[in-house]
Structures are given as structure tokens and as C-alpha cells.
């Protein structure tokens, strides 16, 4: 019969930690709301070098999302 706790035992033997929830993960909520709530970006003006706001706002959040992900990673790294 298979041991139900074999994964936990293997993790404990390898020295790995099981991480719980952290307040740092709330930074991801900022990104989700900013890119999934259309009233924030549903407009054409202001333009940036001829690119409507709708497009450059979304592309800017790609960079901001990478920065937020790095912050959360390093803050929660054991």
C-alpha cells in the first residue's frame, strides 16, 4: 500500500520548506485589478508617440508586472 505522507517526508528529508501564504502576494491583486478593470484604460487619449492610451497602458503593465513579480519573489524567498 502506498504511503500517503511520502511526499511530505521526501520534502522534509531534502531540507525543503513548505511556504505558506504571505501578505506580499497582495501586490499581484494590484496588477490584476489594473489590467482587468476596463474603466481604467478604456480611452484613446492621451497618446504616447502616436500610440493610443489603451495600448501603451497594457504594455506598461507588462513591465510593472515583472517588477511586482520580482518584488514578491525576493520578499518571500526563504
C-alpha atoms as a PDB file:
ATOM      1  CA  UNK A   1       0.000   0.000   0.000  1.00  0.00           C
ATOM      2  CA  UNK A   2       1.216   3.479  -0.842  1.00  0.00           C
ATOM      3  CA  UNK A   3       2.283   5.862   1.926  1.00  0.00           C
ATOM      4  CA  UNK A   4       0.085   8.967   1.890  1.00  0.00           C
ATOM      5  CA  UNK A   5       2.716  11.154   3.550  1.00  0.00           C
ATOM      6  CA  UNK A   6       5.658  10.102   1.378  1.00  0.00           C
ATOM      7  CA  UNK A   7       5.759  13.499  -0.381  1.00  0.00           C
ATOM      8  CA  UNK A   8       5.969  15.349   2.919  1.00  0.00           C
ATOM      9  CA  UNK A   9       8.685  13.000   4.161  1.00  0.00           C
ATOM     10  CA  UNK A  10      10.719  13.462   0.988  1.00  0.00           C
ATOM     11  CA  UNK A  11      10.392  17.226   1.306  1.00  0.00           C
ATOM     12  CA  UNK A  12      11.495  17.163   4.951  1.00  0.00           C
ATOM     13  CA  UNK A  13      14.466  14.931   4.141  1.00  0.00           C
ATOM     14  CA  UNK A  14      15.643  17.154   1.306  1.00  0.00           C
ATOM     15  CA  UNK A  15      15.654  20.198   3.590  1.00  0.00           C
ATOM     16  CA  UNK A  16      12.928  21.985   1.592  1.00  0.00           C
ATOM     17  CA  UNK A  17      10.445  24.212   3.320  1.00  0.00           C
ATOM     18  CA  UNK A  18       6.795  24.380   2.693  1.00  0.00           C
ATOM     19  CA  UNK A  19       5.876  28.021   2.398  1.00  0.00           C
ATOM     20  CA  UNK A  20       2.569  29.459   3.428  1.00  0.00           C
ATOM     21  CA  UNK A  21       0.641  32.499   2.388  1.00  0.00           C
ATOM     22  CA  UNK A  22       2.272  35.928   2.638  1.00  0.00           C
ATOM     23  CA  UNK A  23       0.944  39.475   2.568  1.00  0.00           C
ATOM     24  CA  UNK A  24       3.338  40.168  -0.294  1.00  0.00           C
ATOM     25  CA  UNK A  25       1.024  38.246  -2.616  1.00  0.00           C
ATOM     26  CA  UNK A  26      -1.477  41.098  -2.405  1.00  0.00           C
ATOM     27  CA  UNK A  27       0.767  43.011  -4.809  1.00  0.00           C
ATOM     28  CA  UNK A  28      -0.496  40.661  -7.519  1.00  0.00           C
ATOM     29  CA  UNK A  29      -4.009  41.887  -6.807  1.00  0.00           C
ATOM     30  CA  UNK A  30      -2.963  45.402  -7.836  1.00  0.00           C
ATOM     31  CA  UNK A  31      -1.850  44.131 -11.213  1.00  0.00           C
ATOM     32  CA  UNK A  32      -4.984  42.053 -11.762  1.00  0.00           C
ATOM     33  CA  UNK A  33      -7.310  44.947 -10.997  1.00  0.00           C
ATOM     34  CA  UNK A  34      -5.286  47.401 -13.100  1.00  0.00           C
ATOM     35  CA  UNK A  35      -5.370  45.291 -16.263  1.00  0.00           C
ATOM     36  CA  UNK A  36      -8.753  43.587 -15.885  1.00  0.00           C
ATOM     37  CA  UNK A  37     -10.897  46.610 -14.960  1.00  0.00           C
ATOM     38  CA  UNK A  38     -11.742  48.332 -18.287  1.00  0.00           C
ATOM     39  CA  UNK A  39     -12.787  51.739 -16.886  1.00  0.00           C
ATOM     40  CA  UNK A  40      -9.116  52.342 -16.030  1.00  0.00           C
ATOM     41  CA  UNK A  41      -7.914  52.102 -19.625  1.00  0.00           C
ATOM     42  CA  UNK A  42     -10.949  52.309 -21.935  1.00  0.00           C
ATOM     43  CA  UNK A  43      -9.928  55.503 -23.751  1.00  0.00           C
ATOM     44  CA  UNK A  44      -7.738  56.592 -26.627  1.00  0.00           C
ATOM     45  CA  UNK A  45      -6.199  59.773 -25.205  1.00  0.00           C
ATOM     46  CA  UNK A  46      -3.557  60.571 -24.089  1.00  0.00           C
ATOM     47  CA  UNK A  47      -1.387  59.384 -26.932  1.00  0.00           C
ATOM     48  CA  UNK A  48       2.264  58.497 -26.444  1.00  0.00           C
ATOM     49  CA  UNK A  49       4.263  58.857 -29.655  1.00  0.00           C
ATOM     50  CA  UNK A  50       1.128  58.173 -31.670  1.00  0.00           C
ATOM     51  CA  UNK A  51       0.109  55.095 -29.660  1.00  0.00           C
ATOM     52  CA  UNK A  52      -3.342  55.283 -28.023  1.00  0.00           C
ATOM     53  CA  UNK A  53      -3.509  55.073 -24.234  1.00  0.00           C
ATOM     54  CA  UNK A  54      -5.280  51.703 -24.341  1.00  0.00           C
ATOM     55  CA  UNK A  55      -2.232  50.022 -25.901  1.00  0.00           C
ATOM     56  CA  UNK A  56       0.632  51.669 -24.065  1.00  0.00           C
ATOM     57  CA  UNK A  57      -1.155  51.269 -20.736  1.00  0.00           C
ATOM     58  CA  UNK A  58      -1.342  47.486 -21.242  1.00  0.00           C
ATOM     59  CA  UNK A  59       2.282  47.275 -22.386  1.00  0.00           C
ATOM     60  CA  UNK A  60       3.416  49.353 -19.420  1.00  0.00           C
ATOM     61  CA  UNK A  61       1.746  46.837 -17.115  1.00  0.00           C
ATOM     62  CA  UNK A  62       3.861  44.065 -18.609  1.00  0.00           C
ATOM     63  CA  UNK A  63       6.925  45.838 -17.221  1.00  0.00           C
ATOM     64  CA  UNK A  64       5.222  46.762 -13.932  1.00  0.00           C
ATOM     65  CA  UNK A  65       4.030  43.152 -13.576  1.00  0.00           C
ATOM     66  CA  UNK A  66       7.586  41.859 -13.986  1.00  0.00           C
ATOM     67  CA  UNK A  67       8.805  44.284 -11.316  1.00  0.00           C
ATOM     68  CA  UNK A  68       5.992  43.312  -8.931  1.00  0.00           C
ATOM     69  CA  UNK A  69       6.704  39.631  -9.516  1.00  0.00           C
ATOM     70  CA  UNK A  70      10.398  40.176  -8.726  1.00  0.00           C
ATOM     71  CA  UNK A  71       9.498  42.076  -5.541  1.00  0.00           C
ATOM     72  CA  UNK A  72       7.201  39.299  -4.361  1.00  0.00           C
ATOM     73  CA  UNK A  73       9.727  36.613  -5.269  1.00  0.00           C
ATOM     74  CA  UNK A  74      12.599  38.177  -3.357  1.00  0.00           C
ATOM     75  CA  UNK A  75      10.394  39.184  -0.421  1.00  0.00           C
ATOM     76  CA  UNK A  76       9.019  35.661   0.031  1.00  0.00           C
ATOM     77  CA  UNK A  77      12.207  33.764  -0.788  1.00  0.00           C
ATOM     78  CA  UNK A  78      13.159  31.600   2.179  1.00  0.00           C
END
